[in-house]
Amino acid sequence: MVAEHVERAPDPGAALAAVRIIGADAFAPAVLAGAALHARDAEAVAQSFTALPAANPAPAPPDGPETAWLMAWRDWGTVTLLTVLNGRGADGVTAARPAAPAGIGGSDWASWSVRMGQLCTLALPGLDGPVHEAARAAPLGLARGATRAALRRDYPTAARIARWLAWLHAEGVELPLDPAPLVEHIALMAAGDRTALDTAIARRLLTGGPSHEPSDRTGT
């Protein structure tokens, strides 16, 4: 799927940039449904890092630029799952793990939950780290953030944060609300491909799949 997207694109450079933006979600069929990762797809993801190398991770906000820090975390998630699923990673493809997120929950739950939503591509089986620990430590902040976004009809943000709630549910974490009706409401009201992808992933996390562990099979 990923390789075909790159090969058929009129602008291969833009297609590789799109692969970098979608990040670890390119592996969602493998980690959520047990599908084999095709070797050509793994190569296409690796090629996106060759064409657009990952930058050195910036300090966590407010000590560093937020955009660079967010991209560094998303790159880390992509490279980590590529290594897990491919069994060996890809030559020359690396992404150092950035600093942990600051401002967990507390009085700043609104802006913190939005920032966690911007890292929702990490809300997948097979990934774990400081961002995931932050989610486990503050389910109430995430629940408040998702609810607030839905009430404000900011459904893209609500879908991103709801993914973390669905991931926590899959992890067996007790939540202050039932995420399933929230995800269904977002899916009903929202529009756009990115939000549709986020809600589809959240639904899969809530309902479970063949395995909660990522497949290590690679297609040929």
C-alpha atoms as a PDB file:
ATOM      1  CA  MET A   1       0.000   0.000   0.000  1.00  0.00           C
ATOM      2  CA  VAL A   2       2.742   2.480   0.960  1.00  0.00           C
ATOM      3  CA  ALA A   3       5.016   1.500  -1.902  1.00  0.00           C
ATOM      4  CA  GLU A   4       2.184   1.771  -4.407  1.00  0.00           C
ATOM      5  CA  HIS A   5       1.359   5.252  -3.122  1.00  0.00           C
ATOM      6  CA  VAL A   6       4.944   6.383  -3.712  1.00  0.00           C
ATOM      7  CA  GLU A   7       5.357   4.663  -7.071  1.00  0.00           C
ATOM      8  CA  ARG A   8       2.131   6.034  -8.571  1.00  0.00           C
ATOM      9  CA  ALA A   9       2.460   9.582  -7.244  1.00  0.00           C
ATOM     10  CA  PRO A  10       3.127  12.303  -9.841  1.00  0.00           C
ATOM     11  CA  ASP A  11       5.520  13.867  -7.309  1.00  0.00           C
ATOM     12  CA  PRO A  12       7.469  11.103  -5.523  1.00  0.00           C
ATOM     13  CA  GLY A  13       9.065  13.643  -3.184  1.00  0.00           C
ATOM     14  CA  ALA A  14       5.670  14.827  -1.965  1.00  0.00           C
ATOM     15  CA  ALA A  15       4.553  11.203  -1.589  1.00  0.00           C
ATOM     16  CA  LEU A  16       7.567  10.406   0.598  1.00  0.00           C
ATOM     17  CA  ALA A  17       6.826  13.504   2.675  1.00  0.00           C
ATOM     18  CA  ALA A  18       3.272  12.218   3.130  1.00  0.00           C
ATOM     19  CA  VAL A  19       4.644   8.898   4.380  1.00  0.00           C
ATOM     20  CA  ARG A  20       6.682  10.789   6.975  1.00  0.00           C
ATOM     21  CA  ILE A  21       3.594  12.740   8.068  1.00  0.00           C
ATOM     22  CA  ILE A  22       1.382   9.667   8.457  1.00  0.00           C
ATOM     23  CA  GLY A  23       4.236   8.102  10.383  1.00  0.00           C
ATOM     24  CA  ALA A  24       3.661   4.959  12.420  1.00  0.00           C
ATOM     25  CA  ASP A  25       0.044   4.795  11.240  1.00  0.00           C
ATOM     26  CA  ALA A  26       1.409   3.303   8.020  1.00  0.00           C
ATOM     27  CA  PHE A  27       1.870   0.142  10.093  1.00  0.00           C
ATOM     28  CA  ALA A  28      -1.645   0.117  11.576  1.00  0.00           C
ATOM     29  CA  PRO A  29      -2.806  -2.903   9.496  1.00  0.00           C
ATOM     30  CA  ALA A  30       0.104  -4.923  10.884  1.00  0.00           C
ATOM     31  CA  VAL A  31      -0.106  -3.954  14.554  1.00  0.00           C
ATOM     32  CA  LEU A  32      -3.909  -3.833  14.795  1.00  0.00           C
ATOM     33  CA  ALA A  33      -5.065  -6.552  12.395  1.00  0.00           C
ATOM     34  CA  GLY A  34      -2.094  -8.895  12.236  1.00  0.00           C
ATOM     35  CA  ALA A  35      -1.388  -8.241   8.553  1.00  0.00           C
ATOM     36  CA  ALA A  36       2.098  -8.963   7.288  1.00  0.00           C
ATOM     37  CA  LEU A  37       4.262  -5.947   6.524  1.00  0.00           C
ATOM     38  CA  HIS A  38       5.169  -6.215   2.856  1.00  0.00           C
ATOM     39  CA  ALA A  39       8.893  -5.836   2.181  1.00  0.00           C
ATOM     40  CA  ARG A  40       8.264  -3.160  -0.461  1.00  0.00           C
ATOM     41  CA  ASP A  41       6.225  -1.133   2.016  1.00  0.00           C
ATOM     42  CA  ALA A  42       9.010  -1.353   4.586  1.00  0.00           C
ATOM     43  CA  GLU A  43      11.460  -0.168   1.926  1.00  0.00           C
ATOM     44  CA  ALA A  44       9.191   2.765   1.020  1.00  0.00           C
ATOM     45  CA  VAL A  45       9.026   3.901   4.642  1.00  0.00           C
ATOM     46  CA  ALA A  46      12.799   3.603   4.922  1.00  0.00           C
ATOM     47  CA  GLN A  47      13.176   5.571   1.677  1.00  0.00           C
ATOM     48  CA  SER A  48      11.162   8.424   3.184  1.00  0.00           C
ATOM     49  CA  PHE A  49      13.839   8.780   5.870  1.00  0.00           C
ATOM     50  CA  THR A  50      16.616   8.600   3.288  1.00  0.00           C
ATOM     51  CA  ALA A  51      15.006  11.376   1.256  1.00  0.00           C
ATOM     52  CA  LEU A  52      14.060  13.432   4.335  1.00  0.00           C
ATOM     53  CA  PRO A  53      16.447  12.494   7.163  1.00  0.00           C
ATOM     54  CA  ALA A  54      15.256  12.824  10.731  1.00  0.00           C
ATOM     55  CA  ALA A  55      16.679  15.882  12.473  1.00  0.00           C
ATOM     56  CA  ASN A  56      18.303  15.787  15.892  1.00  0.00           C
ATOM     57  CA  PRO A  57      15.500  15.869  18.482  1.00  0.00           C
ATOM     58  CA  ALA A  58      14.815  19.252  20.020  1.00  0.00           C
ATOM     59  CA  PRO A  59      14.255  19.785  23.760  1.00  0.00           C
ATOM     60  CA  ALA A  60      10.705  19.426  24.988  1.00  0.00           C
ATOM     61  CA  PRO A  61       8.608  22.614  24.944  1.00  0.00           C
ATOM     62  CA  PRO A  62       8.878  25.251  26.313  1.00  0.00           C
ATOM     63  CA  ASP A  63      12.666  24.786  26.202  1.00  0.00           C
ATOM     64  CA  GLY A  64      12.628  24.048  22.467  1.00  0.00           C
ATOM     65  CA  PRO A  65      10.410  24.493  19.386  1.00  0.00           C
ATOM     66  CA  GLU A  66       7.231  22.457  19.658  1.00  0.00           C
ATOM     67  CA  THR A  67       6.977  21.534  15.954  1.00  0.00           C
ATOM     68  CA  ALA A  68      10.460  20.002  15.829  1.00  0.00           C
ATOM     69  CA  TRP A  69       9.890  18.119  19.083  1.00  0.00           C
ATOM     70  CA  LEU A  70       6.569  16.679  17.904  1.00  0.00           C
ATOM     71  CA  MET A  71       8.075  15.575  14.586  1.00  0.00           C
ATOM     72  CA  ALA A  72      10.996  13.946  16.403  1.00  0.00           C
ATOM     73  CA  TRP A  73       8.603  11.875  18.512  1.00  0.00           C
ATOM     74  CA  ARG A  74       6.574  10.849  15.467  1.00  0.00           C
ATOM     75  CA  ASP A  75       9.787   9.856  13.667  1.00  0.00           C
ATOM     76  CA  TRP A  76      10.860   7.811  16.681  1.00  0.00           C
ATOM     77  CA  GLY A  77       7.550   5.930  16.608  1.00  0.00           C
ATOM     78  CA  THR A  78       7.842   5.202  12.885  1.00  0.00           C
ATOM     79  CA  VAL A  79      11.419   3.942  13.072  1.00  0.00           C
ATOM     80  CA  THR A  80      10.700   1.880  16.180  1.00  0.00           C
ATOM     81  CA  LEU A  81       7.782   0.043  14.568  1.00  0.00           C
ATOM     82  CA  LEU A  82       9.734  -0.384  11.333  1.00  0.00           C
ATOM     83  CA  THR A  83      12.452  -2.114  13.346  1.00  0.00           C
ATOM     84  CA  VAL A  84       9.987  -4.264  15.302  1.00  0.00           C
ATOM     85  CA  LEU A  85       8.017  -5.361  12.255  1.00  0.00           C
ATOM     86  CA  ASN A  86      10.910  -5.677   9.839  1.00  0.00           C
ATOM     87  CA  GLY A  87      12.993  -7.584  12.354  1.00  0.00           C
ATOM     88  CA  ARG A  88      16.134  -5.652  11.521  1.00  0.00           C
ATOM     89  CA  GLY A  89      15.116  -2.074  10.757  1.00  0.00           C
ATOM     90  CA  ALA A  90      16.696  -0.450   7.715  1.00  0.00           C
ATOM     91  CA  ASP A  91      20.266   0.558   7.032  1.00  0.00           C
ATOM     92  CA  GLY A  92      20.938   4.188   7.922  1.00  0.00           C
ATOM     93  CA  VAL A  93      17.404   4.801   9.250  1.00  0.00           C
ATOM     94  CA  THR A  94      17.545   6.045  12.818  1.00  0.00           C
ATOM     95  CA  ALA A  95      15.565   8.408  15.017  1.00  0.00           C
ATOM     96  CA  ALA A  96      16.734   9.189  18.523  1.00  0.00           C
ATOM     97  CA  ARG A  97      14.112   9.269  21.260  1.00  0.00           C
ATOM     98  CA  PRO A  98      13.365  12.880  22.256  1.00  0.00           C
ATOM     99  CA  ALA A  99      12.915  14.286  25.740  1.00  0.00           C
ATOM    100  CA  ALA A 100       9.823  13.333  27.716  1.00  0.00           C
ATOM    101  CA  PRO A 101       6.727  15.568  27.521  1.00  0.00           C
ATOM    102  CA  ALA A 102       6.291  18.099  30.307  1.00  0.00           C
ATOM    103  CA  GLY A 103       3.190  19.438  32.027  1.00  0.00           C
ATOM    104  CA  ILE A 104       1.341  16.164  32.588  1.00  0.00           C
ATOM    105  CA  GLY A 105      -2.312  16.732  33.461  1.00  0.00           C
ATOM    106  CA  GLY A 106      -2.754  19.183  36.332  1.00  0.00           C
ATOM    107  CA  SER A 107      -4.187  22.637  35.830  1.00  0.00           C
ATOM    108  CA  ASP A 108      -2.807  22.785  32.281  1.00  0.00           C
ATOM    109  CA  TRP A 109      -4.722  19.716  31.103  1.00  0.00           C
ATOM    110  CA  ALA A 110      -6.310  21.581  28.175  1.00  0.00           C
ATOM    111  CA  SER A 111      -3.093  22.482  26.329  1.00  0.00           C
ATOM    112  CA  TRP A 112      -1.365  19.297  27.481  1.00  0.00           C
ATOM    113  CA  SER A 113      -4.116  17.077  26.076  1.00  0.00           C
ATOM    114  CA  VAL A 114      -3.969  18.911  22.731  1.00  0.00           C
ATOM    115  CA  ARG A 115      -0.219  18.288  22.598  1.00  0.00           C
ATOM    116  CA  MET A 116      -0.777  14.612  23.400  1.00  0.00           C
ATOM    117  CA  GLY A 117      -3.305  14.527  20.572  1.00  0.00           C
ATOM    118  CA  GLN A 118      -0.614  15.789  18.226  1.00  0.00           C
ATOM    119  CA  LEU A 119       1.369  12.691  19.218  1.00  0.00           C
ATOM    120  CA  CYS A 120      -1.519  10.286  18.604  1.00  0.00           C
ATOM    121  CA  THR A 121       0.416   8.310  15.970  1.00  0.00           C
ATOM    122  CA  LEU A 122       2.275   6.841  18.964  1.00  0.00           C
ATOM    123  CA  ALA A 123      -0.996   5.402  20.338  1.00  0.00           C
ATOM    124  CA  LEU A 124      -0.410   1.989  18.771  1.00  0.00           C
ATOM    125  CA  PRO A 125       0.532  -1.460  20.075  1.00  0.00           C
ATOM    126  CA  GLY A 126       4.255  -2.126  19.929  1.00  0.00           C
ATOM    127  CA  LEU A 127       5.250   1.351  21.106  1.00  0.00           C
ATOM    128  CA  ASP A 128       5.989   2.394  24.672  1.00  0.00           C
ATOM    129  CA  GLY A 129       7.967   5.190  26.263  1.00  0.00           C
ATOM    130  CA  PRO A 130       7.686   8.477  28.157  1.00  0.00           C
ATOM    131  CA  VAL A 131       4.732   9.702  26.082  1.00  0.00           C
ATOM    132  CA  HIS A 132       2.839   6.518  26.892  1.00  0.00           C
ATOM    133  CA  GLU A 133       3.745   6.849  30.561  1.00  0.00           C
ATOM    134  CA  ALA A 134       2.362  10.384  30.457  1.00  0.00           C
ATOM    135  CA  ALA A 135      -0.910   9.032  29.046  1.00  0.00           C
ATOM    136  CA  ARG A 136      -1.114   6.361  31.760  1.00  0.00           C
ATOM    137  CA  ALA A 137      -0.446   8.967  34.445  1.00  0.00           C
ATOM    138  CA  ALA A 138      -3.242  11.351  33.408  1.00  0.00           C
ATOM    139  CA  PRO A 139      -6.307   9.617  31.931  1.00  0.00           C
ATOM    140  CA  LEU A 140      -8.524  12.299  33.494  1.00  0.00           C
ATOM    141  CA  GLY A 141      -6.676  15.053  31.630  1.00  0.00           C
ATOM    142  CA  LEU A 142      -7.091  13.160  28.356  1.00  0.00           C
ATOM    143  CA  ALA A 143     -10.780  12.525  29.039  1.00  0.00           C
ATOM    144  CA  ARG A 144     -11.312  16.208  29.776  1.00  0.00           C
ATOM    145  CA  GLY A 145      -9.399  17.223  26.650  1.00  0.00           C
ATOM    146  CA  ALA A 146     -11.314  14.887  24.336  1.00  0.00           C
ATOM    147  CA  THR A 147     -14.666  15.926  25.818  1.00  0.00           C
ATOM    148  CA  ARG A 148     -13.811  19.615  25.608  1.00  0.00           C
ATOM    149  CA  ALA A 149     -12.768  19.280  21.949  1.00  0.00           C
ATOM    150  CA  ALA A 150     -15.964  17.373  21.088  1.00  0.00           C
ATOM    151  CA  LEU A 151     -18.140  19.984  22.820  1.00  0.00           C
ATOM    152  CA  ARG A 152     -16.336  22.700  20.866  1.00  0.00           C
ATOM    153  CA  ARG A 153     -16.967  20.674  17.679  1.00  0.00           C
ATOM    154  CA  ASP A 154     -13.234  20.426  17.110  1.00  0.00           C
ATOM    155  CA  TYR A 155     -13.589  16.844  15.979  1.00  0.00           C
ATOM    156  CA  PRO A 156     -10.076  16.373  14.546  1.00  0.00           C
ATOM    157  CA  THR A 157      -8.589  17.236  17.952  1.00  0.00           C
ATOM    158  CA  ALA A 158     -11.202  15.136  19.743  1.00  0.00           C
ATOM    159  CA  ALA A 159     -10.372  12.138  17.532  1.00  0.00           C
ATOM    160  CA  ARG A 160      -6.654  12.467  18.180  1.00  0.00           C
ATOM    161  CA  ILE A 161      -7.075  12.602  21.951  1.00  0.00           C
ATOM    162  CA  ALA A 162      -9.700   9.842  21.901  1.00  0.00           C
ATOM    163  CA  ARG A 163      -7.102   7.570  20.327  1.00  0.00           C
ATOM    164  CA  TRP A 164      -5.121   7.795  23.563  1.00  0.00           C
ATOM    165  CA  LEU A 165      -8.223   6.921  25.558  1.00  0.00           C
ATOM    166  CA  ALA A 166      -8.785   3.906  23.301  1.00  0.00           C
ATOM    167  CA  TRP A 167      -5.131   2.914  23.696  1.00  0.00           C
ATOM    168  CA  LEU A 168      -5.429   3.169  27.483  1.00  0.00           C
ATOM    169  CA  HIS A 169      -8.587   1.048  27.340  1.00  0.00           C
ATOM    170  CA  ALA A 170      -6.685  -1.594  25.373  1.00  0.00           C
ATOM    171  CA  GLU A 171      -3.961  -1.430  28.020  1.00  0.00           C
ATOM    172  CA  GLY A 172      -6.519  -2.129  30.730  1.00  0.00           C
ATOM    173  CA  VAL A 173      -6.249   1.304  32.358  1.00  0.00           C
ATOM    174  CA  GLU A 174      -9.336   2.433  34.266  1.00  0.00           C
ATOM    175  CA  LEU A 175     -10.845   5.492  32.583  1.00  0.00           C
ATOM    176  CA  PRO A 176     -13.156   8.221  33.898  1.00  0.00           C
ATOM    177  CA  LEU A 177     -15.465   7.783  30.885  1.00  0.00           C
ATOM    178  CA  ASP A 178     -16.438   5.115  28.390  1.00  0.00           C
ATOM    179  CA  PRO A 179     -14.474   6.016  25.233  1.00  0.00           C
ATOM    180  CA  ALA A 180     -16.617   3.942  22.864  1.00  0.00           C
ATOM    181  CA  PRO A 181     -19.643   6.316  22.668  1.00  0.00           C
ATOM    182  CA  LEU A 182     -17.265   9.267  22.358  1.00  0.00           C
ATOM    183  CA  VAL A 183     -15.449   7.675  19.425  1.00  0.00           C
ATOM    184  CA  GLU A 184     -18.742   6.806  17.729  1.00  0.00           C
ATOM    185  CA  HIS A 185     -19.992  10.375  18.184  1.00  0.00           C
ATOM    186  CA  ILE A 186     -16.806  11.760  16.654  1.00  0.00           C
ATOM    187  CA  ALA A 187     -17.034   9.319  13.745  1.00  0.00           C
ATOM    188  CA  LEU A 188     -20.632  10.362  13.106  1.00  0.00           C
ATOM    189  CA  MET A 189     -20.000  14.108  13.247  1.00  0.00           C
ATOM    190  CA  ALA A 190     -16.510  14.473  11.801  1.00  0.00           C
ATOM    191  CA  ALA A 191     -15.302  14.760   8.231  1.00  0.00           C
ATOM    192  CA  GLY A 192     -11.925  14.355   6.559  1.00  0.00           C
ATOM    193  CA  ASP A 193      -9.601  11.454   5.817  1.00  0.00           C
ATOM    194  CA  ARG A 194      -7.212  12.079   8.717  1.00  0.00           C
ATOM    195  CA  THR A 195     -10.009  12.127  11.290  1.00  0.00           C
ATOM    196  CA  ALA A 196     -11.550   9.031   9.704  1.00  0.00           C
ATOM    197  CA  LEU A 197      -8.226   7.232  10.112  1.00  0.00           C
ATOM    198  CA  ASP A 198      -7.926   8.281  13.753  1.00  0.00           C
ATOM    199  CA  THR A 199     -11.443   7.101  14.570  1.00  0.00           C
ATOM    200  CA  ALA A 200     -10.913   3.823  12.704  1.00  0.00           C
ATOM    201  CA  ILE A 201      -7.766   3.147  14.717  1.00  0.00           C
ATOM    202  CA  ALA A 202      -9.539   4.085  17.957  1.00  0.00           C
ATOM    203  CA  ARG A 203     -12.380   1.692  17.129  1.00  0.00           C
ATOM    204  CA  ARG A 204      -9.924  -1.119  16.468  1.00  0.00           C
ATOM    205  CA  LEU A 205      -8.137  -0.450  19.764  1.00  0.00           C
ATOM    206  CA  LEU A 206     -11.475  -0.576  21.573  1.00  0.00           C
ATOM    207  CA  THR A 207     -12.711  -3.773  19.950  1.00  0.00           C
ATOM    208  CA  GLY A 208      -9.404  -5.588  19.827  1.00  0.00           C
ATOM    209  CA  GLY A 209      -7.920  -7.661  17.035  1.00  0.00           C
ATOM    210  CA  PRO A 210      -6.241 -11.006  16.450  1.00  0.00           C
ATOM    211  CA  SER A 211      -3.429  -9.972  18.768  1.00  0.00           C
ATOM    212  CA  HIS A 212      -2.408  -6.948  20.812  1.00  0.00           C
ATOM    213  CA  GLU A 213       1.209  -7.655  19.897  1.00  0.00           C
ATOM    214  CA  PRO A 214       2.535  -6.556  16.484  1.00  0.00           C
ATOM    215  CA  SER A 215       3.188  -9.240  13.922  1.00  0.00           C
ATOM    216  CA  ASP A 216       6.833  -9.881  13.080  1.00  0.00           C
ATOM    217  CA  ARG A 217       5.990 -11.290   9.674  1.00  0.00           C
ATOM    218  CA  THR A 218       7.302  -9.536   6.590  1.00  0.00           C
ATOM    219  CA  GLY A 219       5.716 -10.240   3.217  1.00  0.00           C
ATOM    220  CA  THR A 220       7.784 -10.734   0.109  1.00  0.00           C
END
